C-alpha atoms as a PDB file:
ATOM      1  CA  MET A   1     244.697  21.047 152.115  1.00  0.00           C
ATOM      2  CA  ALA A   2     241.490  20.124 150.278  1.00  0.00           C
ATOM      3  CA  ASP A   3     239.539  22.681 148.323  1.00  0.00           C
ATOM      4  CA  THR A   4     236.841  24.415 150.287  1.00  0.00           C
ATOM      5  CA  ILE A   5     233.438  24.423 148.644  1.00  0.00           C
ATOM      6  CA  ILE A   6     231.654  27.751 148.803  1.00  0.00           C
ATOM      7  CA  PRO A   7     227.860  27.630 148.611  1.00  0.00           C
ATOM      8  CA  MET A   8     226.202  28.073 145.253  1.00  0.00           C
ATOM      9  CA  THR A   9     226.603  31.474 143.695  1.00  0.00           C
ATOM     10  CA  VAL A  10     225.158  32.985 140.587  1.00  0.00           C
ATOM     11  CA  THR A  11     227.471  34.039 137.791  1.00  0.00           C
ATOM     12  CA  ASP A  12     225.204  37.017 137.206  1.00  0.00           C
ATOM     13  CA  GLN A  13     224.692  38.924 140.469  1.00  0.00           C
ATOM     14  CA  THR A  14     221.229  40.119 139.433  1.00  0.00           C
ATOM     15  CA  TYR A  15     219.695  37.792 142.018  1.00  0.00           C
ATOM     16  CA  LEU A  16     220.988  40.042 144.760  1.00  0.00           C
ATOM     17  CA  ALA A  17     220.385  43.409 143.141  1.00  0.00           C
ATOM     18  CA  GLY A  18     217.362  42.551 141.023  1.00  0.00           C
ATOM     19  CA  SER A  19     217.294  42.724 137.252  1.00  0.00           C
ATOM     20  CA  SER A  20     214.992  44.217 134.730  1.00  0.00           C
ATOM     21  CA  TRP A  21     213.353  40.858 133.948  1.00  0.00           C
ATOM     22  CA  GLN A  22     212.812  40.100 137.644  1.00  0.00           C
ATOM     23  CA  ASP A  23     211.365  43.555 138.261  1.00  0.00           C
ATOM     24  CA  THR A  24     209.132  43.084 135.227  1.00  0.00           C
ATOM     25  CA  VAL A  25     207.748  39.764 136.504  1.00  0.00           C
ATOM     26  CA  SER A  26     206.948  41.349 139.860  1.00  0.00           C
ATOM     27  CA  ARG A  27     205.353  44.464 138.339  1.00  0.00           C
ATOM     28  CA  VAL A  28     203.229  42.558 135.809  1.00  0.00           C
ATOM     29  CA  LEU A  29     201.909  40.216 138.514  1.00  0.00           C
ATOM     30  CA  ARG A  30     200.896  43.229 140.637  1.00  0.00           C
ATOM     31  CA  GLU A  31     199.348  45.043 137.666  1.00  0.00           C
ATOM     32  CA  GLY A  32     197.511  41.831 136.739  1.00  0.00           C
ATOM     33  CA  GLY A  33     195.657  41.864 140.038  1.00  0.00           C
ATOM     34  CA  ILE A  34     197.588  39.141 141.842  1.00  0.00           C
ATOM     35  CA  GLN A  35     196.651  39.355 145.519  1.00  0.00           C
ATOM     36  CA  GLN A  36     198.603  36.355 146.796  1.00  0.00           C
ATOM     37  CA  ILE A  37     202.147  35.301 145.925  1.00  0.00           C
ATOM     38  CA  VAL A  38     202.601  31.662 146.942  1.00  0.00           C
ATOM     39  CA  TYR A  39     206.112  30.228 146.848  1.00  0.00           C
ATOM     40  CA  VAL A  40     208.864  27.951 148.003  1.00  0.00           C
ATOM     41  CA  PRO A  41     211.910  30.238 148.401  1.00  0.00           C
ATOM     42  CA  ASP A  42     214.002  30.435 145.220  1.00  0.00           C
ATOM     43  CA  ALA A  43     216.700  32.919 144.220  1.00  0.00           C
ATOM     44  CA  GLY A  44     215.201  33.311 140.750  1.00  0.00           C
ATOM     45  CA  HIS A  45     211.997  34.636 142.285  1.00  0.00           C
ATOM     46  CA  ALA A  46     213.755  36.759 144.932  1.00  0.00           C
ATOM     47  CA  VAL A  47     212.516  40.110 143.610  1.00  0.00           C
ATOM     48  CA  ALA A  48     208.855  39.071 143.283  1.00  0.00           C
ATOM     49  CA  ILE A  49     208.996  37.516 146.753  1.00  0.00           C
ATOM     50  CA  ARG A  50     210.671  40.585 148.252  1.00  0.00           C
ATOM     51  CA  ASP A  51     208.139  42.886 146.592  1.00  0.00           C
ATOM     52  CA  ALA A  52     205.189  40.759 147.742  1.00  0.00           C
ATOM     53  CA  ILE A  53     206.424  40.830 151.326  1.00  0.00           C
ATOM     54  CA  ALA A  54     206.761  44.628 151.161  1.00  0.00           C
ATOM     55  CA  ASP A  55     203.383  45.250 149.474  1.00  0.00           C
ATOM     56  CA  PRO A  56     200.475  45.603 151.922  1.00  0.00           C
ATOM     57  CA  ASP A  57     198.024  44.712 149.125  1.00  0.00           C
ATOM     58  CA  ILE A  58     199.643  41.326 148.461  1.00  0.00           C
ATOM     59  CA  THR A  59     199.660  38.381 150.828  1.00  0.00           C
ATOM     60  CA  ASP A  60     202.863  36.371 150.623  1.00  0.00           C
ATOM     61  CA  VAL A  61     202.462  32.693 151.453  1.00  0.00           C
ATOM     62  CA  VAL A  62     205.598  30.617 151.917  1.00  0.00           C
ATOM     63  CA  CYS A  63     205.132  26.856 151.473  1.00  0.00           C
ATOM     64  CA  THR A  64     207.293  23.962 152.577  1.00  0.00           C
ATOM     65  CA  THR A  65     206.587  22.072 149.347  1.00  0.00           C
ATOM     66  CA  GLU A  66     205.328  23.162 145.958  1.00  0.00           C
ATOM     67  CA  GLU A  67     202.282  20.907 145.961  1.00  0.00           C
ATOM     68  CA  GLU A  68     200.953  22.832 148.968  1.00  0.00           C
ATOM     69  CA  GLY A  69     201.015  25.872 146.722  1.00  0.00           C
ATOM     70  CA  VAL A  70     198.579  24.313 144.246  1.00  0.00           C
ATOM     71  CA  GLY A  71     196.021  23.983 147.038  1.00  0.00           C
ATOM     72  CA  VAL A  72     196.708  27.495 148.324  1.00  0.00           C
ATOM     73  CA  VAL A  73     196.207  29.171 144.935  1.00  0.00           C
ATOM     74  CA  SER A  74     193.044  27.116 144.366  1.00  0.00           C
ATOM     75  CA  GLY A  75     191.735  28.201 147.750  1.00  0.00           C
ATOM     76  CA  ALA A  76     192.594  31.812 146.958  1.00  0.00           C
ATOM     77  CA  TRP A  77     190.409  31.607 143.849  1.00  0.00           C
ATOM     78  CA  LEU A  78     187.536  30.095 145.839  1.00  0.00           C
ATOM     79  CA  GLY A  79     187.945  33.010 148.258  1.00  0.00           C
ATOM     80  CA  GLY A  80     187.702  35.552 145.445  1.00  0.00           C
ATOM     81  CA  GLN A  81     191.395  36.335 144.983  1.00  0.00           C
ATOM     82  CA  ARG A  82     193.945  35.884 142.235  1.00  0.00           C
ATOM     83  CA  ALA A  83     197.126  34.072 143.226  1.00  0.00           C
ATOM     84  CA  ALA A  84     200.328  33.006 141.490  1.00  0.00           C
ATOM     85  CA  LEU A  85     202.550  30.076 142.452  1.00  0.00           C
ATOM     86  CA  LEU A  86     206.292  30.724 142.103  1.00  0.00           C
ATOM     87  CA  MET A  87     208.541  27.673 141.995  1.00  0.00           C
ATOM     88  CA  GLN A  88     211.628  26.093 140.476  1.00  0.00           C
ATOM     89  CA  SER A  89     211.359  23.386 137.809  1.00  0.00           C
ATOM     90  CA  SER A  90     212.359  20.684 140.295  1.00  0.00           C
ATOM     91  CA  GLY A  91     209.183  21.502 142.231  1.00  0.00           C
ATOM     92  CA  VAL A  92     206.935  20.754 139.264  1.00  0.00           C
ATOM     93  CA  GLY A  93     207.534  17.046 139.805  1.00  0.00           C
ATOM     94  CA  ASN A  94     206.257  17.388 143.361  1.00  0.00           C
ATOM     95  CA  CYS A  95     202.946  18.797 142.082  1.00  0.00           C
ATOM     96  CA  ILE A  96     201.812  16.226 139.532  1.00  0.00           C
ATOM     97  CA  ASN A  97     199.046  14.653 141.613  1.00  0.00           C
ATOM     98  CA  MET A  98     197.867  18.018 142.942  1.00  0.00           C
ATOM     99  CA  PHE A  99     197.509  19.354 139.395  1.00  0.00           C
ATOM    100  CA  SER A 100     194.504  17.030 139.056  1.00  0.00           C
ATOM    101  CA  LEU A 101     192.751  19.323 141.561  1.00  0.00           C
ATOM    102  CA  LEU A 102     192.908  22.114 138.988  1.00  0.00           C
ATOM    103  CA  THR A 103     191.272  19.984 136.313  1.00  0.00           C
ATOM    104  CA  MET A 104     188.559  18.554 138.522  1.00  0.00           C
ATOM    105  CA  GLY A 105     187.812  21.884 140.205  1.00  0.00           C
ATOM    106  CA  GLY A 106     188.016  23.904 137.006  1.00  0.00           C
ATOM    107  CA  PHE A 107     190.195  26.463 138.767  1.00  0.00           C
ATOM    108  CA  PRO A 108     192.229  29.027 136.869  1.00  0.00           C
ATOM    109  CA  PHE A 109     195.923  28.581 137.616  1.00  0.00           C
ATOM    110  CA  LEU A 110     199.094  30.585 137.082  1.00  0.00           C
ATOM    111  CA  THR A 111     202.565  29.418 137.973  1.00  0.00           C
ATOM    112  CA  VAL A 112     205.878  31.052 137.138  1.00  0.00           C
ATOM    113  CA  VAL A 113     208.679  28.488 137.029  1.00  0.00           C
ATOM    114  CA  THR A 114     212.411  29.191 137.091  1.00  0.00           C
ATOM    115  CA  MET A 115     214.130  26.482 135.076  1.00  0.00           C
ATOM    116  CA  ARG A 116     217.099  24.360 136.101  1.00  0.00           C
ATOM    117  CA  GLY A 117     218.718  21.409 134.337  1.00  0.00           C
ATOM    118  CA  GLU A 118     219.128  23.288 131.080  1.00  0.00           C
ATOM    119  CA  TYR A 119     221.744  25.567 129.557  1.00  0.00           C
ATOM    120  CA  GLY A 120     225.067  25.295 131.367  1.00  0.00           C
ATOM    121  CA  GLU A 121     223.651  23.426 134.378  1.00  0.00           C
ATOM    122  CA  PHE A 122     226.408  22.275 136.728  1.00  0.00           C
ATOM    123  CA  ASN A 123     224.218  20.037 138.885  1.00  0.00           C
ATOM    124  CA  PRO A 124     223.315  16.745 137.151  1.00  0.00           C
ATOM    125  CA  TRP A 125     220.536  16.125 139.687  1.00  0.00           C
ATOM    126  CA  GLN A 126     218.600  19.056 138.193  1.00  0.00           C
ATOM    127  CA  ALA A 127     218.665  17.699 134.629  1.00  0.00           C
ATOM    128  CA  PRO A 128     215.959  14.975 134.717  1.00  0.00           C
ATOM    129  CA  MET A 129     213.157  17.204 135.992  1.00  0.00           C
ATOM    130  CA  GLY A 130     214.407  20.197 134.041  1.00  0.00           C
ATOM    131  CA  LEU A 131     214.104  18.188 130.850  1.00  0.00           C
ATOM    132  CA  ALA A 132     210.667  16.815 131.806  1.00  0.00           C
ATOM    133  CA  THR A 133     209.066  20.000 133.166  1.00  0.00           C
ATOM    134  CA  GLN A 134     207.287  21.230 130.047  1.00  0.00           C
ATOM    135  CA  ASN A 135     205.974  17.778 129.096  1.00  0.00           C
ATOM    136  CA  ALA A 136     204.816  17.075 132.658  1.00  0.00           C
ATOM    137  CA  LEU A 137     202.871  20.337 132.782  1.00  0.00           C
ATOM    138  CA  GLU A 138     201.302  19.764 129.377  1.00  0.00           C
ATOM    139  CA  LEU A 139     200.324  16.180 130.254  1.00  0.00           C
ATOM    140  CA  MET A 140     198.432  17.605 133.235  1.00  0.00           C
ATOM    141  CA  GLY A 141     196.511  20.022 130.989  1.00  0.00           C
ATOM    142  CA  ILE A 142     198.551  23.119 131.764  1.00  0.00           C
ATOM    143  CA  THR A 143     199.404  25.441 128.879  1.00  0.00           C
ATOM    144  CA  VAL A 144     203.096  26.344 128.784  1.00  0.00           C
ATOM    145  CA  TYR A 145     204.589  29.692 127.759  1.00  0.00           C
ATOM    146  CA  ARG A 146     208.377  29.924 127.725  1.00  0.00           C
ATOM    147  CA  VAL A 147     210.659  32.952 128.077  1.00  0.00           C
ATOM    148  CA  ASP A 148     214.364  32.939 127.210  1.00  0.00           C
ATOM    149  CA  ASP A 149     214.780  36.610 126.292  1.00  0.00           C
ATOM    150  CA  PRO A 150     214.250  39.523 128.712  1.00  0.00           C
ATOM    151  CA  SER A 151     212.332  41.479 126.065  1.00  0.00           C
ATOM    152  CA  ASP A 152     209.606  38.787 126.077  1.00  0.00           C
ATOM    153  CA  VAL A 153     208.975  38.710 129.835  1.00  0.00           C
ATOM    154  CA  GLU A 154     206.313  41.423 130.077  1.00  0.00           C
ATOM    155  CA  GLU A 155     204.178  40.237 127.173  1.00  0.00           C
ATOM    156  CA  THR A 156     204.432  36.572 128.164  1.00  0.00           C
ATOM    157  CA  VAL A 157     203.545  37.032 131.841  1.00  0.00           C
ATOM    158  CA  SER A 158     200.714  39.396 130.867  1.00  0.00           C
ATOM    159  CA  ALA A 159     199.356  36.846 128.368  1.00  0.00           C
ATOM    160  CA  ALA A 160     199.561  34.138 131.036  1.00  0.00           C
ATOM    161  CA  LEU A 161     197.527  36.286 133.434  1.00  0.00           C
ATOM    162  CA  ASP A 162     194.843  36.702 130.757  1.00  0.00           C
ATOM    163  CA  THR A 163     194.855  32.989 129.950  1.00  0.00           C
ATOM    164  CA  ALA A 164     194.411  32.107 133.614  1.00  0.00           C
ATOM    165  CA  PHE A 165     192.067  34.748 134.932  1.00  0.00           C
ATOM    166  CA  LEU A 166     190.097  35.930 131.896  1.00  0.00           C
ATOM    167  CA  ALA A 167     189.865  32.648 129.973  1.00  0.00           C
ATOM    168  CA  GLY A 168     189.831  30.402 133.067  1.00  0.00           C
ATOM    169  CA  GLY A 169     192.830  28.417 131.888  1.00  0.00           C
ATOM    170  CA  ARG A 170     195.739  26.753 133.601  1.00  0.00           C
ATOM    171  CA  VAL A 171     199.090  28.174 132.535  1.00  0.00           C
ATOM    172  CA  ALA A 172     202.771  27.986 133.426  1.00  0.00           C
ATOM    173  CA  VAL A 173     205.410  30.512 132.426  1.00  0.00           C
ATOM    174  CA  LEU A 174     208.811  28.831 132.204  1.00  0.00           C
ATOM    175  CA  LEU A 175     211.695  31.247 132.749  1.00  0.00           C
ATOM    176  CA  GLY A 176     214.566  29.558 130.911  1.00  0.00           C
ATOM    177  CA  GLN A 177     218.043  29.195 132.329  1.00  0.00           C
ATOM    178  CA  ARG A 178     219.470  31.480 129.635  1.00  0.00           C
ATOM    179  CA  LEU A 179     217.198  34.205 131.030  1.00  0.00           C
ATOM    180  CA  ILE A 180     217.706  33.599 134.735  1.00  0.00           C
ATOM    181  CA  GLY A 181     221.461  33.032 134.535  1.00  0.00           C
ATOM    182  CA  ARG A 182     223.743  30.083 135.091  1.00  0.00           C
ATOM    183  CA  LYS A 183     224.517  28.892 138.591  1.00  0.00           C
ATOM    184  CA  LYS A 184     227.826  27.325 139.505  1.00  0.00           C
ATOM    185  CA  TRP A 185     229.841  26.059 142.441  1.00  0.00           C
ATOM    186  CA  GLU A 186     233.015  27.944 143.222  1.00  0.00           C
ATOM    187  CA  ARG A 187     236.094  26.523 144.908  1.00  0.00           C
ATOM    188  CA  ASN A 188     238.761  28.338 146.915  1.00  0.00           C
END
């Protein structure tokens, strides 16, 4: 009998229970005045998404594609609200053309990106965009801050909020695969 493939699991079960770094991301976004959490569902952002859904002061906006999120967070700013776009690194490639909206409109922008295609990646399809994510963001005029250690999450996300909403910049926080945990397929 052939092996049965079980859907993707995470070697570190923090996605289900939450982890200190995930809780920190969620808390710092709330404390930084984020009023809209815009996202395409992703296990790495599960805690921030769950918390946004539960918080009556935050509007959670689920998108079908990441590029929709760029327009939503820009519209939030025009409506007087701070928003953050949560996505996976593979979604950055979907947003390249929409990032021009940020430049032309002069909108502040904050995205928090869970990385794939890096350390211990089992899925070769994730590697090309994972390797290109930082360069793609920088080519589109977005400042990149990277986090690989849980002790750097609070300061980095807080600095990104200031860069976006106090300095009017466009910034992405990349949460490295060493931080978020390796994913793997399991066989029975």
